[in-house]
């Protein structure tokens, strides 16, 4: 087990309002935390480009770090989270693919793409519809409106490009299952959590860092202790 400083460094992969929200609440509670905006949000970049951005951030300092991935961010920490400075990975209702995995093989298949995702081939991106119900179903109206205002399209490449590494095979990982998540059902999260050194469940939506920030912070503290 590697040593963590008294105030752990967290690198959060989620970008936008999600990652910023996690970083803000962790900083309030004494963590050194930073969010990484991903090029796949608002551009045509894919998993490999996102992984390079994370790798650059991790190489900025030798200080030991915990890398946190939310939703698609789990794919990015899987791709690039086995950096020498990383002591563990924390997945929050997140993807945890293996080498060669993709999210979709056909972005136009109703069997693969849920009804609430709109695929725009011309833009090379997909967009979340009905986000109040799917992403923020336990958030206040004020928080939901602020989050929706900052939502961007996600590149199709990030769903179609296979990952080339699996950091969770090289580092311990923890998983937070969100039981009322309408984006990634709890049953699917249970499968993704298999093999984790630490697993917790909370009654939260796909945005627990906005609706249950204190519980997310406590999960991360216990996750760090498990690494």
Foldseek 3Di string as FASTA:
>chain_A
DDDAPPAAEEEEEDDDPQQVLLCVLSVVVRHNYDYFHAPQFPAQDALVRRLVSVQVVPVVDLHAHEYEAAALRLSSCQQRVQDPRYQEYEYELYDQDAFFDAQDQDPPDCVRDPPQWADDVVRQWIFGHPCCQQAVVQADPVVVVVRVVGHGTGGNNHRNPGRHGGNVVVHAYEYEAADSHNHRHSVNSVVVRPPHLYYYYDPGYSRCSRRPVVVVSVSVVVSVVSD
